């Protein structure tokens, strides 16, 4: 099941000394909520949105467990 897969992945992260909390903090810093300017191209906006969607997905999955 998906939850089992997520648990295994989280345990693997912690095995390497990287806690889930640390992962979220680092992702928040690397991929902050979108800061779009008029000079950004559609491709840049889509790329940033894709990165951010992964951060949001991860945070939601952690809440569910």
N, C-alpha and C. Protein backbone atom coordinates (compact mmCIF):
# COMPACT_ATOMS: atom_id res chain seq x y z
N UNK A 1 0.84 -1.20 0.00
CA UNK A 1 0.00 0.00 0.00
C UNK A 1 0.87 1.24 0.00
N UNK A 2 0.28 2.36 -0.34
CA UNK A 2 1.03 3.62 -0.42
C UNK A 2 1.55 4.03 0.95
N UNK A 3 0.74 3.87 2.00
CA UNK A 3 1.19 4.26 3.34
C UNK A 3 2.40 3.45 3.78
N UNK A 4 2.41 2.16 3.45
CA UNK A 4 3.55 1.32 3.80
C UNK A 4 4.80 1.82 3.08
N UNK A 5 4.66 2.16 1.80
CA UNK A 5 5.79 2.67 1.03
C UNK A 5 6.31 3.95 1.65
N UNK A 6 5.41 4.83 2.05
CA UNK A 6 5.82 6.11 2.65
C UNK A 6 6.55 5.86 3.96
N UNK A 7 6.07 4.94 4.77
CA UNK A 7 6.71 4.65 6.04
C UNK A 7 8.13 4.12 5.84
N UNK A 8 8.28 3.26 4.86
CA UNK A 8 9.61 2.72 4.57
C UNK A 8 10.53 3.85 4.14
N UNK A 9 10.06 4.73 3.28
CA UNK A 9 10.88 5.83 2.80
C UNK A 9 11.28 6.75 3.94
N UNK A 10 10.34 7.06 4.83
CA UNK A 10 10.65 7.94 5.94
C UNK A 10 11.66 7.28 6.87
N UNK A 11 11.52 5.99 7.12
CA UNK A 11 12.49 5.29 7.96
C UNK A 11 13.87 5.31 7.31
N UNK A 12 13.91 5.19 6.00
CA UNK A 12 15.18 5.22 5.29
C UNK A 12 15.85 6.58 5.47
N UNK A 13 15.09 7.66 5.34
CA UNK A 13 15.65 9.00 5.56
C UNK A 13 16.25 9.10 6.95
N UNK A 14 15.51 8.63 7.95
CA UNK A 14 15.97 8.74 9.33
C UNK A 14 17.19 7.87 9.58
N UNK A 15 17.34 6.77 8.85
CA UNK A 15 18.51 5.93 8.98
C UNK A 15 19.77 6.70 8.62
N UNK A 16 19.65 7.60 7.66
CA UNK A 16 20.80 8.41 7.24
C UNK A 16 20.94 9.68 8.06
N UNK A 17 20.22 9.79 9.18
CA UNK A 17 20.34 10.93 10.05
C UNK A 17 19.61 12.17 9.56
N UNK A 18 18.66 11.98 8.67
CA UNK A 18 17.92 13.09 8.07
C UNK A 18 16.46 12.92 8.44
N UNK A 19 16.01 13.66 9.45
CA UNK A 19 14.64 13.49 9.91
C UNK A 19 13.65 14.13 8.94
N UNK A 20 12.41 13.73 9.07
CA UNK A 20 11.35 14.27 8.23
C UNK A 20 11.24 15.77 8.43
N UNK A 21 11.35 16.21 9.68
CA UNK A 21 11.28 17.64 9.97
C UNK A 21 12.39 18.40 9.25
N UNK A 22 13.59 17.85 9.28
CA UNK A 22 14.72 18.49 8.59
C UNK A 22 14.47 18.54 7.08
N UNK A 23 13.91 17.48 6.54
CA UNK A 23 13.63 17.43 5.10
C UNK A 23 12.65 18.52 4.72
N UNK A 24 11.60 18.69 5.51
CA UNK A 24 10.59 19.72 5.21
C UNK A 24 11.19 21.10 5.32
N UNK A 25 11.99 21.35 6.36
CA UNK A 25 12.63 22.66 6.53
C UNK A 25 13.52 22.97 5.32
N UNK A 26 14.31 22.00 4.90
CA UNK A 26 15.20 22.23 3.77
C UNK A 26 14.42 22.45 2.48
N UNK A 27 13.37 21.67 2.26
CA UNK A 27 12.55 21.86 1.05
C UNK A 27 11.87 23.22 1.05
N UNK A 28 11.41 23.67 2.20
CA UNK A 28 10.77 24.99 2.31
C UNK A 28 11.77 26.09 1.92
N UNK A 29 13.03 25.92 2.31
CA UNK A 29 14.05 26.91 1.98
C UNK A 29 14.42 26.87 0.50
N UNK A 30 14.58 25.67 -0.03
CA UNK A 30 14.98 25.52 -1.43
C UNK A 30 13.86 25.86 -2.41
N UNK A 31 12.63 25.53 -2.04
CA UNK A 31 11.50 25.69 -2.94
C UNK A 31 10.37 26.44 -2.23
N UNK A 32 10.57 27.75 -1.97
CA UNK A 32 9.56 28.52 -1.23
C UNK A 32 8.28 28.70 -2.05
N UNK A 33 7.21 29.16 -1.40
CA UNK A 33 6.00 29.48 -2.17
C UNK A 33 6.36 30.43 -3.32
N UNK A 34 5.62 30.33 -4.39
CA UNK A 34 5.94 31.07 -5.61
C UNK A 34 6.05 32.57 -5.38
N UNK A 35 7.11 33.11 -5.92
CA UNK A 35 7.33 34.55 -5.96
C UNK A 35 7.51 34.87 -7.43
N UNK A 36 6.41 35.23 -8.07
CA UNK A 36 6.40 35.42 -9.52
C UNK A 36 6.52 36.90 -9.85
N UNK A 37 7.34 37.18 -10.86
CA UNK A 37 7.48 38.56 -11.32
C UNK A 37 7.04 38.65 -12.78
N UNK A 38 6.71 39.84 -13.24
CA UNK A 38 6.28 40.00 -14.63
C UNK A 38 7.33 39.54 -15.65
N UNK A 39 8.58 39.51 -15.25
CA UNK A 39 9.63 39.08 -16.19
C UNK A 39 9.76 37.56 -16.31
N UNK A 40 9.10 36.81 -15.42
CA UNK A 40 9.17 35.34 -15.48
C UNK A 40 8.43 34.82 -16.71
N UNK A 41 9.04 33.84 -17.36
CA UNK A 41 8.38 33.21 -18.50
C UNK A 41 7.38 32.18 -17.98
N UNK A 42 6.48 31.77 -18.85
CA UNK A 42 5.52 30.72 -18.49
C UNK A 42 6.25 29.46 -18.06
N UNK A 43 7.32 29.13 -18.75
CA UNK A 43 8.10 27.93 -18.42
C UNK A 43 8.71 28.03 -17.02
N UNK A 44 9.24 29.20 -16.68
CA UNK A 44 9.81 29.39 -15.34
C UNK A 44 8.74 29.24 -14.26
N UNK A 45 7.58 29.82 -14.50
CA UNK A 45 6.49 29.73 -13.53
C UNK A 45 6.04 28.29 -13.37
N UNK A 46 5.89 27.57 -14.48
CA UNK A 46 5.47 26.18 -14.43
C UNK A 46 6.50 25.33 -13.69
N UNK A 47 7.78 25.58 -13.93
CA UNK A 47 8.85 24.83 -13.29
C UNK A 47 8.82 25.05 -11.77
N UNK A 48 8.72 26.32 -11.37
CA UNK A 48 8.66 26.64 -9.94
C UNK A 48 7.42 26.04 -9.30
N UNK A 49 6.30 26.09 -9.99
CA UNK A 49 5.06 25.53 -9.46
C UNK A 49 5.18 24.02 -9.27
N UNK A 50 5.85 23.37 -10.21
CA UNK A 50 6.07 21.93 -10.09
C UNK A 50 6.92 21.58 -8.89
N UNK A 51 7.98 22.36 -8.66
CA UNK A 51 8.82 22.12 -7.50
C UNK A 51 8.01 22.30 -6.21
N UNK A 52 7.25 23.37 -6.18
CA UNK A 52 6.48 23.67 -4.97
C UNK A 52 5.40 22.63 -4.73
N UNK A 53 4.81 22.10 -5.80
CA UNK A 53 3.75 21.10 -5.62
C UNK A 53 4.28 19.86 -4.93
N UNK A 54 5.54 19.52 -5.16
CA UNK A 54 6.15 18.37 -4.48
C UNK A 54 6.26 18.65 -2.98
N UNK A 55 6.67 19.86 -2.62
CA UNK A 55 6.78 20.24 -1.21
C UNK A 55 5.41 20.14 -0.54
N UNK A 56 4.39 20.69 -1.20
CA UNK A 56 3.04 20.66 -0.63
C UNK A 56 2.53 19.23 -0.50
N UNK A 57 2.79 18.39 -1.51
CA UNK A 57 2.36 16.99 -1.45
C UNK A 57 3.01 16.30 -0.26
N UNK A 58 4.31 16.51 -0.10
CA UNK A 58 5.05 15.87 0.98
C UNK A 58 4.48 16.30 2.34
N UNK A 59 4.22 17.59 2.51
CA UNK A 59 3.69 18.09 3.78
C UNK A 59 2.31 17.49 4.07
N UNK A 60 1.48 17.35 3.06
CA UNK A 60 0.15 16.75 3.23
C UNK A 60 0.26 15.28 3.61
N UNK A 61 1.17 14.55 2.98
CA UNK A 61 1.35 13.13 3.29
C UNK A 61 1.80 12.94 4.74
N UNK A 62 2.66 13.82 5.21
CA UNK A 62 3.13 13.71 6.59
C UNK A 62 1.98 13.94 7.55
N UNK A 63 1.10 14.89 7.23
CA UNK A 63 -0.06 15.16 8.09
C UNK A 63 -0.97 13.97 8.20
N UNK A 64 -1.11 13.20 7.11
CA UNK A 64 -2.02 12.06 7.06
C UNK A 64 -1.52 10.89 7.90
N UNK A 65 -0.21 10.75 8.05
CA UNK A 65 0.35 9.58 8.77
C UNK A 65 0.32 9.74 10.26
